[in-house]
Structure formats: C-alpha cells, structure tokens
Amino acid sequence: MEYLKEFIDYGLIGFLMVLSVISVAIGVERWLVYRQVRLSDFTDRREFEIYLTTRLHLIATIASNAPYIGLLGTVLGIMATFYSIGGDAGMDPKVIMKGLALALKATAIGLLVAIPAVTMYNMLLRRVRVLIMRWESENERDG
C-alpha cells in the first residue's frame, strides 16, 4: 500500500496545487480585464456579460471540487493506514500516525485550495455585477 501513500502525497496533493495555481491565474487575469474594460466598447448586454464571465466557471468548479478531492485523499490515506495495521498487528504507533497525518494533510490542502477560490469567485462575480449595472446605467441614459 506504499504506492497509495505516494499517490496521495504526490498525485492528489500535486493535483490540488495545480488547481490552485490555475484558479489564482484565472482570477488575476479576470481582475486585470475588469480594470481595463471600457463600457462604451459594448453595445449588447449579453455579449458584455459573456465577455465578463469568461472562465469564471473554472474558478467555481475548482472551488467546489477541491474539498472533495482532499476528502478522497483522506479516505485513501485512512484505508492505506488500516491496511498496513491489518498486515502487521504489532505496528509502531509512529507509522500509524504518519499515515493518518498524510490523510488529514490531503483534506487540509483541499480546503486551502477551495477557500481562496470561493473568495476570489465571489469577489469577481460582484465586480461583474457592478460593471453590468454601470453598463445598463450608461445605456439607459443614451437610449
């Protein structure tokens, strides 16, 4: 079951770290786009909304799934620990604690990825709503 521990430590946790980088990169890119958007460049509300919400769904998907990926690592880590205990009844408590710590590490990393992603998503969505309201306000005056 050593391969399972390696999979958790490098596979799942590595995957969560990649997801974290992706969500932050998209968030920064969107924030920069929102800072430079010119409302007068858009004549159709739907096109404007599509432009503003591009890739936001990826941040939301990462935010909602990261805890589950972490939980999967926890379950697999606990399974691997129990398997090791079952194979060696006189097992050293240090080995058991290392296995359980690895399992909990996966959950912690999942939460550390999800919490900033949820926060970023909500902040960006608020910015989208403000920009759309400003666009509507400007186009009300013009029309």
N, C-alpha and C. Protein backbone atom coordinates (compact mmCIF):
# COMPACT_ATOMS: atom_id res chain seq x y z
N MET A 1 0.82 -1.20 0.00
CA MET A 1 0.00 0.00 0.00
C MET A 1 0.86 1.26 0.00
N GLU A 2 2.15 1.09 -0.09
CA GLU A 2 3.04 2.25 -0.12
C GLU A 2 2.78 3.11 -1.35
N TYR A 3 2.42 2.47 -2.46
CA TYR A 3 2.12 3.21 -3.68
C TYR A 3 0.93 4.14 -3.49
N LEU A 4 -0.03 3.73 -2.65
CA LEU A 4 -1.20 4.55 -2.39
C LEU A 4 -0.81 5.82 -1.63
N LYS A 5 0.09 5.67 -0.69
CA LYS A 5 0.57 6.85 0.05
C LYS A 5 1.32 7.80 -0.88
N GLU A 6 2.10 7.26 -1.79
CA GLU A 6 2.81 8.10 -2.77
C GLU A 6 1.81 8.80 -3.69
N PHE A 7 0.78 8.08 -4.08
CA PHE A 7 -0.26 8.66 -4.93
C PHE A 7 -0.94 9.83 -4.23
N ILE A 8 -1.23 9.67 -2.96
CA ILE A 8 -1.88 10.73 -2.20
C ILE A 8 -0.94 11.92 -2.07
N ASP A 9 0.29 11.64 -1.66
CA ASP A 9 1.24 12.72 -1.38
C ASP A 9 1.62 13.49 -2.64
N TYR A 10 1.87 12.79 -3.72
CA TYR A 10 2.34 13.47 -4.93
C TYR A 10 1.24 13.62 -5.98
N GLY A 11 0.37 12.64 -6.09
CA GLY A 11 -0.68 12.69 -7.10
C GLY A 11 -1.81 13.64 -6.75
N LEU A 12 -2.53 13.31 -5.68
CA LEU A 12 -3.69 14.13 -5.30
C LEU A 12 -3.29 15.51 -4.81
N ILE A 13 -2.32 15.57 -3.93
CA ILE A 13 -1.91 16.87 -3.40
C ILE A 13 -1.26 17.71 -4.50
N GLY A 14 -0.49 17.08 -5.36
CA GLY A 14 0.08 17.79 -6.51
C GLY A 14 -1.00 18.33 -7.43
N PHE A 15 -2.02 17.51 -7.66
CA PHE A 15 -3.15 17.93 -8.50
C PHE A 15 -3.87 19.12 -7.87
N LEU A 16 -4.06 19.08 -6.56
CA LEU A 16 -4.69 20.21 -5.87
C LEU A 16 -3.86 21.48 -6.00
N MET A 17 -2.56 21.34 -5.93
CA MET A 17 -1.69 22.52 -6.07
C MET A 17 -1.78 23.09 -7.49
N VAL A 18 -1.86 22.23 -8.48
CA VAL A 18 -2.03 22.70 -9.87
C VAL A 18 -3.37 23.43 -10.00
N LEU A 19 -4.41 22.88 -9.42
CA LEU A 19 -5.72 23.54 -9.46
C LEU A 19 -5.67 24.90 -8.79
N SER A 20 -4.92 25.00 -7.70
CA SER A 20 -4.78 26.27 -7.01
C SER A 20 -4.11 27.31 -7.90
N VAL A 21 -3.05 26.92 -8.57
CA VAL A 21 -2.34 27.84 -9.47
C VAL A 21 -3.27 28.27 -10.61
N ILE A 22 -4.03 27.34 -11.14
CA ILE A 22 -4.95 27.67 -12.23
C ILE A 22 -6.00 28.67 -11.77
N SER A 23 -6.61 28.43 -10.61
CA SER A 23 -7.66 29.33 -10.14
C SER A 23 -7.11 30.73 -9.85
N VAL A 24 -5.92 30.81 -9.27
CA VAL A 24 -5.33 32.12 -8.99
C VAL A 24 -4.98 32.83 -10.30
N ALA A 25 -4.42 32.09 -11.25
CA ALA A 25 -4.06 32.70 -12.54
C ALA A 25 -5.29 33.24 -13.26
N ILE A 26 -6.36 32.48 -13.27
CA ILE A 26 -7.60 32.95 -13.90
C ILE A 26 -8.14 34.16 -13.15
N GLY A 27 -8.11 34.10 -11.83
CA GLY A 27 -8.60 35.22 -11.03
C GLY A 27 -7.83 36.50 -11.29
N VAL A 28 -6.53 36.42 -11.35
CA VAL A 28 -5.70 37.60 -11.63
C VAL A 28 -5.98 38.12 -13.04
N GLU A 29 -6.05 37.20 -14.01
CA GLU A 29 -6.33 37.61 -15.39
C GLU A 29 -7.67 38.32 -15.49
N ARG A 30 -8.70 37.78 -14.85
CA ARG A 30 -10.03 38.39 -14.89
C ARG A 30 -10.02 39.76 -14.21
N TRP A 31 -9.33 39.85 -13.08
CA TRP A 31 -9.27 41.13 -12.37
C TRP A 31 -8.62 42.20 -13.25
N LEU A 32 -7.56 41.84 -13.94
CA LEU A 32 -6.89 42.79 -14.83
C LEU A 32 -7.80 43.18 -15.99
N VAL A 33 -8.55 42.23 -16.52
CA VAL A 33 -9.50 42.53 -17.59
C VAL A 33 -10.56 43.50 -17.08
N TYR A 34 -11.08 43.27 -15.89
CA TYR A 34 -12.14 44.13 -15.34
C TYR A 34 -11.64 45.55 -15.10
N ARG A 35 -10.37 45.67 -14.75
CA ARG A 35 -9.82 47.01 -14.51
C ARG A 35 -9.70 47.81 -15.80
N GLN A 36 -9.56 47.13 -16.93
CA GLN A 36 -9.33 47.82 -18.19
C GLN A 36 -10.55 47.85 -19.11
N VAL A 37 -11.65 47.30 -18.67
CA VAL A 37 -12.83 47.22 -19.54
C VAL A 37 -13.38 48.63 -19.78
N ARG A 38 -13.75 48.89 -21.03
CA ARG A 38 -14.38 50.16 -21.40
C ARG A 38 -15.82 49.85 -21.76
N LEU A 39 -16.73 50.39 -21.00
CA LEU A 39 -18.15 50.10 -21.19
C LEU A 39 -18.63 50.51 -22.57
N SER A 40 -18.06 51.55 -23.12
CA SER A 40 -18.51 52.05 -24.42
C SER A 40 -18.15 51.10 -25.57
N ASP A 41 -17.29 50.13 -25.32
CA ASP A 41 -16.91 49.16 -26.37
C ASP A 41 -18.01 48.14 -26.65
N PHE A 42 -19.01 48.08 -25.80
CA PHE A 42 -20.04 47.05 -25.91
C PHE A 42 -21.40 47.67 -26.17
N THR A 43 -22.12 47.10 -27.13
CA THR A 43 -23.46 47.59 -27.43
C THR A 43 -24.54 46.60 -27.01
N ASP A 44 -24.17 45.34 -26.85
CA ASP A 44 -25.14 44.30 -26.49
C ASP A 44 -24.84 43.79 -25.07
N ARG A 45 -25.85 43.79 -24.23
CA ARG A 45 -25.66 43.37 -22.83
C ARG A 45 -25.21 41.92 -22.73
N ARG A 46 -25.79 41.05 -23.54
CA ARG A 46 -25.43 39.63 -23.48
C ARG A 46 -23.98 39.39 -23.86
N GLU A 47 -23.53 40.06 -24.90
CA GLU A 47 -22.12 39.94 -25.31
C GLU A 47 -21.19 40.47 -24.21
N PHE A 48 -21.60 41.55 -23.59
CA PHE A 48 -20.81 42.13 -22.50
C PHE A 48 -20.72 41.16 -21.32
N GLU A 49 -21.85 40.54 -20.99
CA GLU A 49 -21.87 39.58 -19.89
C GLU A 49 -21.03 38.35 -20.21
N ILE A 50 -21.10 37.88 -21.43
CA ILE A 50 -20.28 36.73 -21.84
C ILE A 50 -18.81 37.08 -21.73
N TYR A 51 -18.44 38.28 -22.18
CA TYR A 51 -17.06 38.73 -22.09
C TYR A 51 -16.58 38.78 -20.63
N LEU A 52 -17.43 39.27 -19.75
CA LEU A 52 -17.03 39.42 -18.35
C LEU A 52 -16.95 38.09 -17.61
N THR A 53 -17.80 37.15 -17.96
CA THR A 53 -17.86 35.89 -17.19
C THR A 53 -17.01 34.77 -17.78
N THR A 54 -16.25 35.08 -18.81
CA THR A 54 -15.38 34.07 -19.41
C THR A 54 -14.45 33.47 -18.36
N ARG A 55 -14.42 32.17 -18.27
CA ARG A 55 -13.57 31.36 -17.39
C ARG A 55 -13.91 31.45 -15.89
N LEU A 56 -14.91 32.22 -15.52
CA LEU A 56 -15.28 32.26 -14.09
C LEU A 56 -15.79 30.91 -13.62
N HIS A 57 -16.41 30.16 -14.51
CA HIS A 57 -16.93 28.84 -14.14
C HIS A 57 -15.79 27.89 -13.72
N LEU A 58 -14.60 28.10 -14.26
CA LEU A 58 -13.47 27.24 -13.87
C LEU A 58 -13.09 27.48 -12.41
N ILE A 59 -13.10 28.74 -11.99
CA ILE A 59 -12.79 29.03 -10.59
C ILE A 59 -13.85 28.41 -9.69
N ALA A 60 -15.11 28.53 -10.07
CA ALA A 60 -16.20 27.95 -9.27
C ALA A 60 -16.09 26.43 -9.21
N THR A 61 -15.73 25.81 -10.32
CA THR A 61 -15.60 24.35 -10.36
C THR A 61 -14.46 23.89 -9.46
N ILE A 62 -13.34 24.58 -9.53
CA ILE A 62 -12.20 24.24 -8.67
C ILE A 62 -12.58 24.43 -7.21
N ALA A 63 -13.25 25.55 -6.91
CA ALA A 63 -13.64 25.85 -5.53
C ALA A 63 -14.59 24.80 -4.97
N SER A 64 -15.50 24.33 -5.79
CA SER A 64 -16.49 23.37 -5.27
C SER A 64 -15.95 21.95 -5.22
N ASN A 65 -14.95 21.62 -6.02
CA ASN A 65 -14.46 20.24 -6.06
C ASN A 65 -13.19 20.00 -5.25
N ALA A 66 -12.43 21.02 -4.94
CA ALA A 66 -11.19 20.83 -4.19
C ALA A 66 -11.40 20.14 -2.84
N PRO A 67 -12.44 20.49 -2.06
CA PRO A 67 -12.63 19.77 -0.80
C PRO A 67 -12.91 18.28 -1.00
N TYR A 68 -13.62 17.94 -2.08
CA TYR A 68 -13.91 16.54 -2.35
C TYR A 68 -12.66 15.78 -2.77
N ILE A 69 -11.79 16.43 -3.50
CA ILE A 69 -10.53 15.79 -3.88
C ILE A 69 -9.69 15.57 -2.63
N GLY A 70 -9.67 16.56 -1.74
CA GLY A 70 -8.97 16.40 -0.47
C GLY A 70 -9.57 15.29 0.37
N LEU A 71 -10.89 15.21 0.38
CA LEU A 71 -11.57 14.15 1.13
C LEU A 71 -11.24 12.77 0.54
N LEU A 72 -11.15 12.69 -0.77
CA LEU A 72 -10.74 11.44 -1.39
C LEU A 72 -9.35 11.03 -0.91
N GLY A 73 -8.44 11.98 -0.82
CA GLY A 73 -7.10 11.69 -0.29
C GLY A 73 -7.16 11.22 1.15
N THR A 74 -8.05 11.81 1.93
CA THR A 74 -8.20 11.40 3.32
C THR A 74 -8.69 9.97 3.42
N VAL A 75 -9.71 9.66 2.66
CA VAL A 75 -10.27 8.30 2.69
C VAL A 75 -9.22 7.28 2.23
N LEU A 76 -8.52 7.59 1.15
CA LEU A 76 -7.48 6.67 0.67
C LEU A 76 -6.35 6.52 1.68
N GLY A 77 -5.98 7.61 2.33
CA GLY A 77 -4.92 7.56 3.34
C GLY A 77 -5.31 6.72 4.55
N ILE A 78 -6.54 6.86 4.99
CA ILE A 78 -7.02 6.07 6.12
C ILE A 78 -7.12 4.59 5.72
N MET A 79 -7.58 4.35 4.50
CA MET A 79 -7.64 2.96 4.02
C MET A 79 -6.25 2.33 4.00
N ALA A 80 -5.27 3.07 3.50
CA ALA A 80 -3.90 2.56 3.43
C ALA A 80 -3.35 2.31 4.84
N THR A 81 -3.68 3.19 5.77
CA THR A 81 -3.22 3.01 7.15
C THR A 81 -3.85 1.77 7.77
N PHE A 82 -5.16 1.60 7.59
CA PHE A 82 -5.82 0.42 8.13
C PHE A 82 -5.29 -0.86 7.49
N TYR A 83 -5.01 -0.81 6.21
CA TYR A 83 -4.45 -1.97 5.53
C TYR A 83 -3.10 -2.33 6.13
N SER A 84 -2.29 -1.31 6.39
CA SER A 84 -0.97 -1.54 7.00
C SER A 84 -1.10 -2.11 8.41
N ILE A 85 -2.06 -1.59 9.17
CA ILE A 85 -2.29 -2.09 10.53
C ILE A 85 -2.73 -3.55 10.48
N GLY A 86 -3.62 -3.86 9.54
CA GLY A 86 -4.12 -5.24 9.41
C GLY A 86 -3.03 -6.21 9.02
N GLY A 87 -2.04 -5.75 8.27
CA GLY A 87 -0.97 -6.63 7.83
C GLY A 87 0.09 -6.86 8.88
N ASP A 88 0.20 -5.93 9.83
CA ASP A 88 1.24 -6.03 10.86
C ASP A 88 0.62 -5.62 12.20
N ALA A 89 0.15 -6.62 12.95
CA ALA A 89 -0.56 -6.36 14.20
C ALA A 89 0.31 -5.64 15.23
N GLY A 90 1.61 -5.84 15.20
CA GLY A 90 2.50 -5.19 16.16
C GLY A 90 3.12 -3.93 15.60
N MET A 91 2.35 -3.17 14.87
CA MET A 91 2.86 -1.99 14.17
C MET A 91 3.23 -0.87 15.14
N ASP A 92 4.26 -0.13 14.80
CA ASP A 92 4.73 1.01 15.58
C ASP A 92 3.71 2.16 15.46
N PRO A 93 3.33 2.76 16.57
CA PRO A 93 2.36 3.88 16.51
C PRO A 93 2.84 5.04 15.65
N LYS A 94 4.13 5.23 15.50
CA LYS A 94 4.64 6.31 14.67
C LYS A 94 4.24 6.13 13.20
N VAL A 95 4.26 4.89 12.76
CA VAL A 95 3.87 4.59 11.38
C VAL A 95 2.39 4.88 11.18
N ILE A 96 1.58 4.51 12.15
CA ILE A 96 0.14 4.76 12.07
C ILE A 96 -0.13 6.26 12.04
N MET A 97 0.54 7.00 12.90
CA MET A 97 0.33 8.45 12.97
C MET A 97 0.77 9.14 11.68
N LYS A 98 1.84 8.65 11.06
CA LYS A 98 2.28 9.23 9.79
C LYS A 98 1.23 9.02 8.70
N GLY A 99 0.63 7.84 8.68
CA GLY A 99 -0.42 7.56 7.71
C GLY A 99 -1.65 8.43 7.91
N LEU A 100 -2.04 8.60 9.16
CA LEU A 100 -3.21 9.44 9.45
C LEU A 100 -2.90 10.91 9.18
N ALA A 101 -1.68 11.33 9.46
CA ALA A 101 -1.29 12.72 9.19
C ALA A 101 -1.33 13.00 7.69
N LEU A 102 -0.89 12.04 6.89
CA LEU A 102 -0.93 12.19 5.44
C LEU A 102 -2.39 12.31 4.97
N ALA A 103 -3.25 11.51 5.56
CA ALA A 103 -4.67 11.56 5.19
C ALA A 103 -5.26 12.93 5.51
N LEU A 104 -4.97 13.45 6.67
CA LEU A 104 -5.51 14.76 7.06
C LEU A 104 -4.86 15.89 6.26
N LYS A 105 -3.64 15.70 5.86
CA LYS A 105 -2.95 16.69 5.03
C LYS A 105 -3.71 16.89 3.71
N ALA A 106 -4.23 15.82 3.17
CA ALA A 106 -4.99 15.93 1.92
C ALA A 106 -6.24 16.79 2.10
N THR A 107 -6.94 16.60 3.20
CA THR A 107 -8.11 17.43 3.47
C THR A 107 -7.72 18.88 3.65
N ALA A 108 -6.67 19.12 4.40
CA ALA A 108 -6.23 20.49 4.64
C ALA A 108 -5.86 21.20 3.33
N ILE A 109 -5.15 20.52 2.47
CA ILE A 109 -4.76 21.12 1.19
C ILE A 109 -6.00 21.39 0.34
N GLY A 110 -6.95 20.47 0.35
CA GLY A 110 -8.20 20.68 -0.39
C GLY A 110 -8.92 21.93 0.08
N LEU A 111 -8.96 22.14 1.39
CA LEU A 111 -9.60 23.34 1.93
C LEU A 111 -8.79 24.60 1.61
N LEU A 112 -7.46 24.48 1.65
CA LEU A 112 -6.61 25.62 1.34
C LEU A 112 -6.71 26.04 -0.13
N VAL A 113 -7.10 25.13 -0.97
CA VAL A 113 -7.34 25.47 -2.38
C VAL A 113 -8.74 26.06 -2.53
N ALA A 114 -9.72 25.47 -1.87
CA ALA A 114 -11.11 25.87 -2.06
C ALA A 114 -11.45 27.24 -1.47
N ILE A 115 -10.96 27.53 -0.29
CA ILE A 115 -11.36 28.76 0.39
C ILE A 115 -10.95 30.01 -0.40
N PRO A 116 -9.69 30.14 -0.84
CA PRO A 116 -9.36 31.31 -1.65
C PRO A 116 -10.09 31.33 -2.99
N ALA A 117 -10.33 30.17 -3.57
CA ALA A 117 -11.03 30.12 -4.86
C ALA A 117 -12.48 30.60 -4.71
N VAL A 118 -13.15 30.21 -3.64
CA VAL A 118 -14.52 30.66 -3.40
C VAL A 118 -14.53 32.17 -3.18
N THR A 119 -13.58 32.65 -2.39
CA THR A 119 -13.49 34.09 -2.12
C THR A 119 -13.24 34.86 -3.42
N MET A 120 -12.30 34.38 -4.21
CA MET A 120 -11.98 35.03 -5.48
C MET A 120 -13.19 35.04 -6.42
N TYR A 121 -13.85 33.91 -6.50
CA TYR A 121 -15.02 33.81 -7.37
C TYR A 121 -16.09 34.82 -6.95
N ASN A 122 -16.37 34.91 -5.66
CA ASN A 122 -17.39 35.84 -5.19
C ASN A 122 -16.99 37.29 -5.44
N MET A 123 -15.73 37.61 -5.24
CA MET A 123 -15.26 38.98 -5.49
C MET A 123 -15.37 39.32 -6.98
N LEU A 124 -14.98 38.40 -7.83
CA LEU A 124 -15.05 38.64 -9.27
C LEU A 124 -16.49 38.73 -9.75
N LEU A 125 -17.34 37.89 -9.21
CA LEU A 125 -18.75 37.92 -9.59
C LEU A 125 -19.39 39.25 -9.18
N ARG A 126 -19.01 39.74 -8.03
CA ARG A 126 -19.51 41.05 -7.59
C ARG A 126 -19.04 42.14 -8.56
N ARG A 127 -17.80 42.06 -8.97
CA ARG A 127 -17.26 43.04 -9.92
C ARG A 127 -18.01 42.97 -11.25
N VAL A 128 -18.34 41.77 -11.70
CA VAL A 128 -19.11 41.59 -12.93
C VAL A 128 -20.47 42.27 -12.79
N ARG A 129 -21.13 42.05 -11.67
CA ARG A 129 -22.46 42.64 -11.46
C ARG A 129 -22.38 44.17 -11.46
N VAL A 130 -21.36 44.72 -10.84
CA VAL A 130 -21.19 46.18 -10.81
C VAL A 130 -20.96 46.72 -12.22
N LEU A 131 -20.10 46.06 -12.98
CA LEU A 131 -19.84 46.51 -14.35
C LEU A 131 -21.09 46.44 -15.22
N ILE A 132 -21.86 45.38 -15.06
CA ILE A 132 -23.10 45.26 -15.83
C ILE A 132 -24.09 46.36 -15.43
N MET A 133 -24.20 46.64 -14.13
CA MET A 133 -25.09 47.72 -13.70
C MET A 133 -24.64 49.07 -14.25
N ARG A 134 -23.33 49.30 -14.26
CA ARG A 134 -22.82 50.56 -14.83
C ARG A 134 -23.11 50.63 -16.33
N TRP A 135 -22.94 49.51 -17.02
CA TRP A 135 -23.22 49.48 -18.45
C TRP A 135 -24.70 49.79 -18.71
N GLU A 136 -25.56 49.15 -17.92
CA GLU A 136 -27.00 49.39 -18.08
C GLU A 136 -27.35 50.83 -17.78
N SER A 137 -26.73 51.39 -16.77
CA SER A 137 -26.98 52.78 -16.40
C SER A 137 -26.56 53.72 -17.52
N GLU A 138 -25.40 53.49 -18.09
CA GLU A 138 -24.93 54.34 -19.20
C GLU A 138 -25.81 54.20 -20.43
N ASN A 139 -26.24 52.98 -20.71
CA ASN A 139 -27.05 52.76 -21.90
C ASN A 139 -28.49 53.22 -21.71
N GLU A 140 -28.95 53.32 -20.48
CA GLU A 140 -30.27 53.89 -20.20
C GLU A 140 -30.29 55.37 -20.55
N ARG A 141 -29.21 56.05 -20.16
CA ARG A 141 -29.11 57.48 -20.43
C ARG A 141 -29.01 57.75 -21.92
N ASP A 142 -28.27 56.90 -22.63
CA ASP A 142 -28.06 57.11 -24.05
C ASP A 142 -29.31 56.77 -24.85
N GLY A 143 -30.07 55.79 -24.39
CA GLY A 143 -31.22 55.30 -25.17
C GLY A 143 -32.45 55.92 -24.73
